[in-house]
């Protein structure tokens, strides 16, 4: 960093607010994706139920193993149902992973907003703010949330590597 550059608390407060805003945008996108996935899960679950309702299981009335033939002699496509169930389980796992990712992004966005307020109220100077932002980002692995944007922690590490 050049000698004449002065770091200000306000610049780091604004940086934290921008980061929180970017994360909130990602949260909105993830929420839309998760909603679409949950709609797909609902539709597929309804389809499986409808297929099962077409061929009620009369296993309670039989002594032997349940048949793949319904009461009207129609064959139940067990393989197709099992395939649908497998896809449904995969989508459920994906929905759980998206939900966890969504929660992580929400938490980091809130933490950045909180840090901005903390810096505004009690940071001594720009150097103090810089140190607190770097510590914050390193502790929370913040660079992992911004693959297309350099964080202050990454910039500080690069600056340290350059001997600045």
N, C-alpha and C. Protein backbone atom coordinates (compact mmCIF):
# COMPACT_ATOMS: atom_id res chain seq x y z
N UNK A 1 0.85 -1.16 0.00
CA UNK A 1 0.00 0.00 0.00
C UNK A 1 0.90 1.23 0.00
N UNK A 2 0.59 2.23 -0.83
CA UNK A 2 1.43 3.42 -0.89
C UNK A 2 1.43 4.16 0.45
N UNK A 3 2.53 4.84 0.72
CA UNK A 3 2.69 5.57 1.98
C UNK A 3 1.60 6.61 2.20
N UNK A 4 1.12 7.28 1.12
CA UNK A 4 0.15 8.36 1.27
C UNK A 4 -1.29 7.88 1.37
N UNK A 5 -1.52 6.60 1.25
CA UNK A 5 -2.89 6.06 1.35
C UNK A 5 -3.28 5.96 2.82
N UNK A 6 -4.44 6.53 3.14
CA UNK A 6 -4.93 6.51 4.50
C UNK A 6 -6.16 5.62 4.56
N UNK A 7 -6.11 4.65 5.42
CA UNK A 7 -7.24 3.75 5.60
C UNK A 7 -8.23 4.41 6.56
N UNK A 8 -9.50 4.37 6.18
CA UNK A 8 -10.51 4.95 7.08
C UNK A 8 -11.49 3.88 7.53
N UNK A 9 -12.03 4.11 8.69
CA UNK A 9 -13.03 3.20 9.24
C UNK A 9 -14.24 3.17 8.31
N UNK A 10 -14.65 4.34 7.81
CA UNK A 10 -15.83 4.41 6.93
C UNK A 10 -15.68 3.54 5.68
N UNK A 11 -14.46 3.46 5.15
CA UNK A 11 -14.25 2.61 3.96
C UNK A 11 -14.47 1.13 4.31
N UNK A 12 -14.03 0.73 5.47
CA UNK A 12 -14.22 -0.67 5.87
C UNK A 12 -15.68 -0.95 6.24
N UNK A 13 -16.35 0.04 6.80
CA UNK A 13 -17.79 -0.10 7.09
C UNK A 13 -18.53 -0.30 5.77
N UNK A 14 -18.22 0.52 4.78
CA UNK A 14 -18.87 0.40 3.47
C UNK A 14 -18.54 -0.95 2.83
N UNK A 15 -17.29 -1.37 2.92
CA UNK A 15 -16.88 -2.68 2.39
C UNK A 15 -17.72 -3.80 3.01
N UNK A 16 -17.88 -3.77 4.34
CA UNK A 16 -18.66 -4.81 5.02
C UNK A 16 -20.11 -4.79 4.57
N UNK A 17 -20.64 -3.61 4.39
CA UNK A 17 -22.03 -3.50 3.93
C UNK A 17 -22.19 -4.02 2.50
N UNK A 18 -21.21 -3.75 1.66
CA UNK A 18 -21.26 -4.27 0.28
C UNK A 18 -21.18 -5.78 0.29
N UNK A 19 -20.28 -6.32 1.10
CA UNK A 19 -20.15 -7.78 1.18
C UNK A 19 -21.47 -8.40 1.66
N UNK A 20 -22.08 -7.78 2.68
CA UNK A 20 -23.37 -8.28 3.18
C UNK A 20 -24.43 -8.22 2.08
N UNK A 21 -24.41 -7.16 1.30
CA UNK A 21 -25.37 -7.04 0.20
C UNK A 21 -25.16 -8.09 -0.87
N UNK A 22 -23.91 -8.34 -1.21
CA UNK A 22 -23.62 -9.38 -2.20
C UNK A 22 -24.07 -10.75 -1.71
N UNK A 23 -23.81 -11.02 -0.45
CA UNK A 23 -24.24 -12.30 0.12
C UNK A 23 -25.76 -12.40 0.15
N UNK A 24 -26.42 -11.29 0.45
CA UNK A 24 -27.89 -11.29 0.45
C UNK A 24 -28.44 -11.57 -0.94
N UNK A 25 -27.78 -11.06 -1.96
CA UNK A 25 -28.19 -11.36 -3.34
C UNK A 25 -28.05 -12.84 -3.64
N UNK A 26 -26.97 -13.43 -3.16
CA UNK A 26 -26.78 -14.87 -3.34
C UNK A 26 -27.85 -15.64 -2.57
N UNK A 27 -28.22 -15.16 -1.40
CA UNK A 27 -29.27 -15.80 -0.61
C UNK A 27 -30.58 -15.80 -1.39
N UNK A 28 -30.90 -14.69 -2.04
CA UNK A 28 -32.13 -14.62 -2.84
C UNK A 28 -32.10 -15.64 -3.97
N UNK A 29 -30.97 -15.74 -4.65
CA UNK A 29 -30.83 -16.70 -5.74
C UNK A 29 -30.97 -18.13 -5.22
N UNK A 30 -30.28 -18.43 -4.12
CA UNK A 30 -30.36 -19.77 -3.54
C UNK A 30 -31.77 -20.10 -3.07
N UNK A 31 -32.46 -19.10 -2.54
CA UNK A 31 -33.84 -19.30 -2.09
C UNK A 31 -34.73 -19.67 -3.27
N UNK A 32 -34.57 -18.95 -4.38
CA UNK A 32 -35.35 -19.27 -5.58
C UNK A 32 -35.05 -20.68 -6.08
N UNK A 33 -33.78 -21.05 -6.10
CA UNK A 33 -33.39 -22.39 -6.54
C UNK A 33 -33.97 -23.45 -5.61
N UNK A 34 -33.90 -23.19 -4.31
CA UNK A 34 -34.43 -24.16 -3.35
C UNK A 34 -35.94 -24.27 -3.48
N UNK A 35 -36.62 -23.15 -3.67
CA UNK A 35 -38.08 -23.20 -3.87
C UNK A 35 -38.44 -24.03 -5.09
N UNK A 36 -37.71 -23.85 -6.19
CA UNK A 36 -37.97 -24.63 -7.40
C UNK A 36 -37.74 -26.12 -7.14
N UNK A 37 -36.67 -26.43 -6.44
CA UNK A 37 -36.36 -27.83 -6.13
C UNK A 37 -37.43 -28.44 -5.23
N UNK A 38 -37.89 -27.68 -4.25
CA UNK A 38 -38.95 -28.19 -3.37
C UNK A 38 -40.26 -28.40 -4.13
N UNK A 39 -40.54 -27.52 -5.10
CA UNK A 39 -41.72 -27.71 -5.94
C UNK A 39 -41.60 -29.00 -6.75
N UNK A 40 -40.40 -29.27 -7.28
CA UNK A 40 -40.17 -30.52 -8.01
C UNK A 40 -40.38 -31.73 -7.09
N UNK A 41 -39.86 -31.63 -5.87
CA UNK A 41 -40.02 -32.73 -4.91
C UNK A 41 -41.49 -32.97 -4.61
N UNK A 42 -42.25 -31.90 -4.42
CA UNK A 42 -43.68 -32.04 -4.16
C UNK A 42 -44.39 -32.72 -5.32
N UNK A 43 -44.05 -32.31 -6.54
CA UNK A 43 -44.68 -32.88 -7.73
C UNK A 43 -44.34 -34.36 -7.88
N UNK A 44 -43.08 -34.71 -7.66
CA UNK A 44 -42.67 -36.11 -7.79
C UNK A 44 -43.28 -36.97 -6.68
N UNK A 45 -43.37 -36.42 -5.49
CA UNK A 45 -43.99 -37.15 -4.39
C UNK A 45 -45.47 -37.41 -4.70
N UNK A 46 -46.13 -36.40 -5.23
CA UNK A 46 -47.54 -36.55 -5.60
C UNK A 46 -47.71 -37.61 -6.70
N UNK A 47 -46.76 -37.62 -7.64
CA UNK A 47 -46.84 -38.61 -8.72
C UNK A 47 -46.65 -40.03 -8.17
N UNK A 48 -45.72 -40.20 -7.26
CA UNK A 48 -45.51 -41.53 -6.66
C UNK A 48 -46.76 -41.96 -5.89
N UNK A 49 -47.33 -41.06 -5.13
CA UNK A 49 -48.55 -41.38 -4.38
C UNK A 49 -49.69 -41.75 -5.32
N UNK A 50 -49.81 -41.01 -6.40
CA UNK A 50 -50.88 -41.29 -7.36
C UNK A 50 -50.71 -42.68 -7.96
N UNK A 51 -49.48 -43.02 -8.30
CA UNK A 51 -49.24 -44.35 -8.86
C UNK A 51 -49.55 -45.45 -7.84
N UNK A 52 -49.18 -45.21 -6.60
CA UNK A 52 -49.45 -46.21 -5.57
C UNK A 52 -50.94 -46.31 -5.30
N UNK A 53 -51.65 -45.19 -5.37
CA UNK A 53 -53.10 -45.20 -5.15
C UNK A 53 -53.83 -45.94 -6.27
N UNK A 54 -53.24 -45.97 -7.46
CA UNK A 54 -53.85 -46.70 -8.58
C UNK A 54 -53.86 -48.20 -8.31
N UNK A 55 -52.89 -48.65 -7.52
CA UNK A 55 -52.75 -50.07 -7.22
C UNK A 55 -52.63 -50.24 -5.71
N UNK A 56 -53.76 -50.20 -5.00
CA UNK A 56 -53.68 -50.32 -3.54
C UNK A 56 -53.02 -51.63 -3.13
N UNK A 57 -52.25 -51.57 -2.09
CA UNK A 57 -51.54 -52.74 -1.58
C UNK A 57 -52.49 -53.56 -0.72
N UNK A 58 -52.76 -54.74 -1.14
CA UNK A 58 -53.65 -55.63 -0.39
C UNK A 58 -52.85 -56.65 0.40
N UNK A 59 -51.65 -56.28 0.78
CA UNK A 59 -50.77 -57.22 1.47
C UNK A 59 -51.37 -57.71 2.78
N UNK A 60 -52.16 -56.90 3.44
CA UNK A 60 -52.75 -57.31 4.72
C UNK A 60 -53.73 -58.45 4.53
N UNK A 61 -54.28 -58.59 3.33
CA UNK A 61 -55.27 -59.64 3.07
C UNK A 61 -54.64 -60.91 2.52
N UNK A 62 -53.36 -60.90 2.23
CA UNK A 62 -52.73 -62.07 1.64
C UNK A 62 -51.84 -62.76 2.66
N UNK A 63 -51.63 -64.02 2.46
CA UNK A 63 -50.78 -64.80 3.35
C UNK A 63 -49.36 -64.80 2.81
N UNK A 64 -49.20 -64.82 1.51
CA UNK A 64 -47.90 -64.86 0.88
C UNK A 64 -47.33 -63.47 0.67
N UNK A 65 -46.19 -63.40 0.00
CA UNK A 65 -45.57 -62.09 -0.27
C UNK A 65 -46.47 -61.27 -1.19
N UNK A 66 -46.39 -59.93 -1.06
CA UNK A 66 -47.23 -59.08 -1.90
C UNK A 66 -46.89 -59.28 -3.37
N UNK A 67 -47.88 -59.21 -4.17
CA UNK A 67 -47.74 -59.41 -5.61
C UNK A 67 -47.47 -58.09 -6.29
N UNK A 68 -46.90 -58.17 -7.47
CA UNK A 68 -46.73 -56.97 -8.27
C UNK A 68 -47.92 -56.79 -9.19
N UNK A 69 -48.92 -57.62 -8.98
CA UNK A 69 -50.14 -57.51 -9.77
C UNK A 69 -51.23 -56.95 -8.88
N UNK A 70 -51.88 -55.90 -9.34
CA UNK A 70 -52.96 -55.27 -8.58
C UNK A 70 -54.19 -56.13 -8.60
N UNK A 71 -55.26 -55.75 -7.87
CA UNK A 71 -56.47 -56.55 -7.79
C UNK A 71 -57.17 -56.71 -9.13
N UNK A 72 -56.93 -55.79 -10.05
CA UNK A 72 -57.58 -55.89 -11.36
C UNK A 72 -56.70 -56.62 -12.37
N UNK A 73 -55.61 -57.20 -11.89
CA UNK A 73 -54.71 -57.94 -12.77
C UNK A 73 -53.66 -57.08 -13.43
N UNK A 74 -53.67 -55.76 -13.22
CA UNK A 74 -52.69 -54.86 -13.82
C UNK A 74 -51.38 -54.97 -13.07
N UNK A 75 -50.27 -54.95 -13.77
CA UNK A 75 -48.96 -55.06 -13.14
C UNK A 75 -48.49 -53.70 -12.65
N UNK A 76 -48.02 -53.69 -11.41
CA UNK A 76 -47.44 -52.47 -10.84
C UNK A 76 -45.99 -52.42 -11.29
N UNK A 77 -45.58 -51.29 -11.82
CA UNK A 77 -44.20 -51.13 -12.30
C UNK A 77 -43.30 -50.77 -11.13
N UNK A 78 -42.87 -51.79 -10.39
CA UNK A 78 -42.07 -51.60 -9.19
C UNK A 78 -40.73 -50.95 -9.54
N UNK A 79 -40.12 -51.36 -10.61
CA UNK A 79 -38.83 -50.80 -11.00
C UNK A 79 -38.95 -49.30 -11.26
N UNK A 80 -40.01 -48.91 -11.91
CA UNK A 80 -40.23 -47.49 -12.19
C UNK A 80 -40.43 -46.71 -10.89
N UNK A 81 -41.20 -47.27 -9.97
CA UNK A 81 -41.42 -46.62 -8.68
C UNK A 81 -40.13 -46.51 -7.88
N UNK A 82 -39.33 -47.57 -7.93
CA UNK A 82 -38.05 -47.54 -7.21
C UNK A 82 -37.11 -46.51 -7.82
N UNK A 83 -37.14 -46.38 -9.14
CA UNK A 83 -36.32 -45.38 -9.83
C UNK A 83 -36.76 -43.97 -9.42
N UNK A 84 -38.07 -43.76 -9.39
CA UNK A 84 -38.61 -42.46 -8.98
C UNK A 84 -38.23 -42.16 -7.53
N UNK A 85 -38.30 -43.17 -6.69
CA UNK A 85 -37.94 -43.00 -5.29
C UNK A 85 -36.46 -42.63 -5.16
N UNK A 86 -35.61 -43.26 -5.94
CA UNK A 86 -34.18 -42.95 -5.92
C UNK A 86 -33.90 -41.51 -6.33
N UNK A 87 -34.58 -41.06 -7.40
CA UNK A 87 -34.42 -39.67 -7.85
C UNK A 87 -34.93 -38.71 -6.78
N UNK A 88 -36.03 -39.10 -6.15
CA UNK A 88 -36.61 -38.27 -5.09
C UNK A 88 -35.63 -38.14 -3.92
N UNK A 89 -35.00 -39.22 -3.53
CA UNK A 89 -34.03 -39.18 -2.43
C UNK A 89 -32.83 -38.32 -2.80
N UNK A 90 -32.37 -38.39 -4.05
CA UNK A 90 -31.25 -37.55 -4.49
C UNK A 90 -31.63 -36.08 -4.42
N UNK A 91 -32.83 -35.76 -4.86
CA UNK A 91 -33.28 -34.36 -4.82
C UNK A 91 -33.47 -33.88 -3.39
N UNK A 92 -33.91 -34.76 -2.51
CA UNK A 92 -34.05 -34.39 -1.10
C UNK A 92 -32.68 -34.07 -0.51
N UNK A 93 -31.68 -34.88 -0.84
CA UNK A 93 -30.32 -34.62 -0.34
C UNK A 93 -29.80 -33.29 -0.90
N UNK A 94 -30.08 -33.04 -2.17
CA UNK A 94 -29.67 -31.77 -2.79
C UNK A 94 -30.38 -30.60 -2.11
N UNK A 95 -31.64 -30.75 -1.81
CA UNK A 95 -32.40 -29.69 -1.13
C UNK A 95 -31.82 -29.43 0.26
N UNK A 96 -31.44 -30.47 0.97
CA UNK A 96 -30.84 -30.30 2.29
C UNK A 96 -29.51 -29.57 2.18
N UNK A 97 -28.71 -29.93 1.18
CA UNK A 97 -27.41 -29.26 0.98
C UNK A 97 -27.61 -27.79 0.61
N UNK A 98 -28.59 -27.51 -0.26
CA UNK A 98 -28.87 -26.12 -0.63
C UNK A 98 -29.36 -25.34 0.58
N UNK A 99 -30.16 -25.98 1.41
CA UNK A 99 -30.65 -25.31 2.62
C UNK A 99 -29.51 -24.97 3.57
N UNK A 100 -28.57 -25.87 3.72
CA UNK A 100 -27.41 -25.62 4.58
C UNK A 100 -26.55 -24.50 4.00
N UNK A 101 -26.36 -24.51 2.70
CA UNK A 101 -25.58 -23.46 2.03
C UNK A 101 -26.28 -22.11 2.19
N UNK A 102 -27.58 -22.11 2.02
CA UNK A 102 -28.37 -20.90 2.18
C UNK A 102 -28.21 -20.33 3.59
N UNK A 103 -28.29 -21.19 4.59
CA UNK A 103 -28.14 -20.76 5.98
C UNK A 103 -26.75 -20.18 6.23
N UNK A 104 -25.72 -20.79 5.65
CA UNK A 104 -24.35 -20.29 5.82
C UNK A 104 -24.20 -18.89 5.21
N UNK A 105 -24.76 -18.70 4.02
CA UNK A 105 -24.69 -17.38 3.37
C UNK A 105 -25.47 -16.34 4.18
N UNK A 106 -26.63 -16.72 4.70
CA UNK A 106 -27.43 -15.79 5.53
C UNK A 106 -26.65 -15.39 6.78
N UNK A 107 -26.03 -16.36 7.41
CA UNK A 107 -25.28 -16.09 8.64
C UNK A 107 -24.11 -15.16 8.37
N UNK A 108 -23.36 -15.41 7.29
CA UNK A 108 -22.22 -14.56 6.99
C UNK A 108 -22.67 -13.15 6.62
N UNK A 109 -23.76 -13.03 5.89
CA UNK A 109 -24.29 -11.70 5.55
C UNK A 109 -24.64 -10.93 6.82
N UNK A 110 -25.31 -11.59 7.74
CA UNK A 110 -25.67 -10.94 9.01
C UNK A 110 -24.42 -10.58 9.81
N UNK A 111 -23.42 -11.45 9.78
CA UNK A 111 -22.18 -11.18 10.51
C UNK A 111 -21.44 -9.98 9.92
N UNK A 112 -21.43 -9.87 8.59
CA UNK A 112 -20.80 -8.70 7.96
C UNK A 112 -21.54 -7.42 8.36
N UNK A 113 -22.86 -7.46 8.37
CA UNK A 113 -23.65 -6.29 8.76
C UNK A 113 -23.35 -5.91 10.21
N UNK A 114 -23.26 -6.91 11.07
CA UNK A 114 -22.92 -6.65 12.47
C UNK A 114 -21.52 -6.06 12.60
N UNK A 115 -20.57 -6.59 11.83
CA UNK A 115 -19.21 -6.07 11.87
C UNK A 115 -19.18 -4.61 11.42
N UNK A 116 -19.93 -4.28 10.40
CA UNK A 116 -19.98 -2.90 9.93
C UNK A 116 -20.43 -1.98 11.07
N UNK A 117 -21.45 -2.39 11.80
CA UNK A 117 -21.95 -1.56 12.91
C UNK A 117 -20.92 -1.48 14.04
N UNK A 118 -20.25 -2.59 14.31
CA UNK A 118 -19.21 -2.58 15.35
C UNK A 118 -18.07 -1.65 14.98
N UNK A 119 -17.64 -1.72 13.72
CA UNK A 119 -16.56 -0.85 13.27
C UNK A 119 -16.97 0.62 13.39
N UNK A 120 -18.18 0.88 12.99
CA UNK A 120 -18.68 2.25 13.03
C UNK A 120 -18.70 2.79 14.46
N UNK A 121 -19.04 1.94 15.40
CA UNK A 121 -19.19 2.42 16.77
C UNK A 121 -17.90 2.39 17.59
N UNK A 122 -16.98 1.45 17.30
CA UNK A 122 -15.84 1.37 18.22
C UNK A 122 -14.47 1.08 17.59
N UNK A 123 -14.33 1.20 16.28
CA UNK A 123 -13.00 1.02 15.69
C UNK A 123 -12.18 2.29 15.95
N UNK A 124 -10.95 2.09 16.37
CA UNK A 124 -10.09 3.23 16.70
C UNK A 124 -9.68 4.02 15.47
N UNK A 125 -9.29 3.31 14.43
CA UNK A 125 -8.84 3.97 13.20
C UNK A 125 -8.88 2.95 12.07
N UNK A 126 -8.42 3.36 10.90
CA UNK A 126 -8.44 2.49 9.74
C UNK A 126 -7.62 1.23 9.91
N UNK A 127 -6.50 1.34 10.58
CA UNK A 127 -5.65 0.15 10.81
C UNK A 127 -6.37 -0.86 11.69
N UNK A 128 -7.02 -0.37 12.73
CA UNK A 128 -7.79 -1.24 13.62
C UNK A 128 -8.92 -1.92 12.83
N UNK A 129 -9.60 -1.14 12.02
CA UNK A 129 -10.69 -1.69 11.19
C UNK A 129 -10.16 -2.75 10.24
N UNK A 130 -9.03 -2.48 9.61
CA UNK A 130 -8.41 -3.43 8.68
C UNK A 130 -8.11 -4.74 9.41
N UNK A 131 -7.48 -4.66 10.55
CA UNK A 131 -7.13 -5.87 11.30
C UNK A 131 -8.37 -6.66 11.68
N UNK A 132 -9.42 -5.97 12.08
CA UNK A 132 -10.64 -6.65 12.50
C UNK A 132 -11.35 -7.31 11.32
N UNK A 133 -11.35 -6.64 10.17
CA UNK A 133 -11.97 -7.23 8.97
C UNK A 133 -11.18 -8.45 8.52
N UNK A 134 -9.86 -8.36 8.51
CA UNK A 134 -9.03 -9.51 8.10
C UNK A 134 -9.27 -10.68 9.05
N UNK A 135 -9.23 -10.43 10.35
CA UNK A 135 -9.46 -11.50 11.33
C UNK A 135 -10.85 -12.13 11.14
N UNK A 136 -11.85 -11.27 10.94
CA UNK A 136 -13.22 -11.72 10.71
C UNK A 136 -13.29 -12.64 9.49
N UNK A 137 -12.70 -12.21 8.38
CA UNK A 137 -12.79 -13.00 7.14
C UNK A 137 -12.02 -14.31 7.24
N UNK A 138 -10.88 -14.28 7.89
CA UNK A 138 -10.11 -15.51 8.04
C UNK A 138 -10.85 -16.49 8.94
N UNK A 139 -11.38 -15.99 10.06
CA UNK A 139 -12.11 -16.87 11.00
C UNK A 139 -13.32 -17.53 10.37
N UNK A 140 -13.94 -16.87 9.41
CA UNK A 140 -15.18 -17.38 8.81
C UNK A 140 -14.99 -17.93 7.40
N UNK A 141 -13.76 -18.05 6.96
CA UNK A 141 -13.46 -18.53 5.60
C UNK A 141 -14.22 -17.73 4.55
N UNK A 142 -14.34 -16.43 4.76
CA UNK A 142 -15.10 -15.57 3.86
C UNK A 142 -14.65 -15.64 2.40
N UNK A 143 -13.35 -15.77 2.11
CA UNK A 143 -12.97 -15.85 0.70
C UNK A 143 -13.67 -16.98 -0.07
N UNK A 144 -14.03 -18.04 0.64
CA UNK A 144 -14.73 -19.16 -0.02
C UNK A 144 -16.11 -18.76 -0.54
N UNK A 145 -16.69 -17.73 0.02
CA UNK A 145 -18.02 -17.27 -0.37
C UNK A 145 -17.98 -16.30 -1.55
N UNK A 146 -16.78 -15.85 -1.92
CA UNK A 146 -16.62 -14.87 -3.00
C UNK A 146 -15.60 -15.36 -4.02
N UNK A 147 -15.95 -16.36 -4.81
CA UNK A 147 -14.98 -16.93 -5.75
C UNK A 147 -14.56 -15.95 -6.85
N UNK A 148 -15.39 -14.95 -7.13
CA UNK A 148 -15.08 -14.03 -8.23
C UNK A 148 -14.72 -12.63 -7.72
N UNK A 149 -14.40 -12.54 -6.45
CA UNK A 149 -14.12 -11.23 -5.85
C UNK A 149 -13.05 -11.41 -4.78
N UNK A 150 -12.07 -10.52 -4.76
CA UNK A 150 -11.02 -10.59 -3.75
C UNK A 150 -11.50 -9.94 -2.45
N UNK A 151 -11.30 -10.63 -1.36
CA UNK A 151 -11.67 -10.09 -0.06
C UNK A 151 -10.50 -9.30 0.52
N UNK A 152 -10.77 -8.55 1.57
CA UNK A 152 -9.71 -7.79 2.24
C UNK A 152 -8.66 -8.76 2.78
N UNK A 153 -9.09 -9.89 3.32
CA UNK A 153 -8.14 -10.87 3.85
C UNK A 153 -7.20 -11.37 2.75
N UNK A 154 -7.75 -11.63 1.57
CA UNK A 154 -6.91 -12.08 0.45
C UNK A 154 -5.96 -10.98 0.01
N UNK A 155 -6.47 -9.75 -0.05
CA UNK A 155 -5.63 -8.62 -0.45
C UNK A 155 -4.51 -8.40 0.56
N UNK A 156 -4.83 -8.52 1.84
CA UNK A 156 -3.82 -8.36 2.88
C UNK A 156 -2.77 -9.46 2.80
N UNK A 157 -3.22 -10.68 2.54
CA UNK A 157 -2.27 -11.79 2.41
C UNK A 157 -1.37 -11.60 1.20
N UNK A 158 -1.95 -11.14 0.09
CA UNK A 158 -1.15 -10.89 -1.11
C UNK A 158 -0.16 -9.76 -0.87
N UNK A 159 -0.61 -8.74 -0.16
CA UNK A 159 0.26 -7.61 0.17
C UNK A 159 1.42 -8.07 1.06
N UNK A 160 1.11 -8.94 2.04
CA UNK A 160 2.14 -9.46 2.92
C UNK A 160 3.14 -10.33 2.14
N UNK A 161 2.63 -11.09 1.16
CA UNK A 161 3.50 -11.92 0.32
C UNK A 161 4.43 -11.07 -0.52
N UNK A 162 3.95 -9.87 -0.90
CA UNK A 162 4.75 -8.96 -1.72
C UNK A 162 5.75 -8.16 -0.89
N UNK A 163 5.64 -8.30 0.43
CA UNK A 163 6.56 -7.61 1.32
C UNK A 163 6.12 -6.22 1.70
N UNK A 164 4.86 -5.87 1.40
CA UNK A 164 4.37 -4.54 1.76
C UNK A 164 3.97 -4.47 3.20
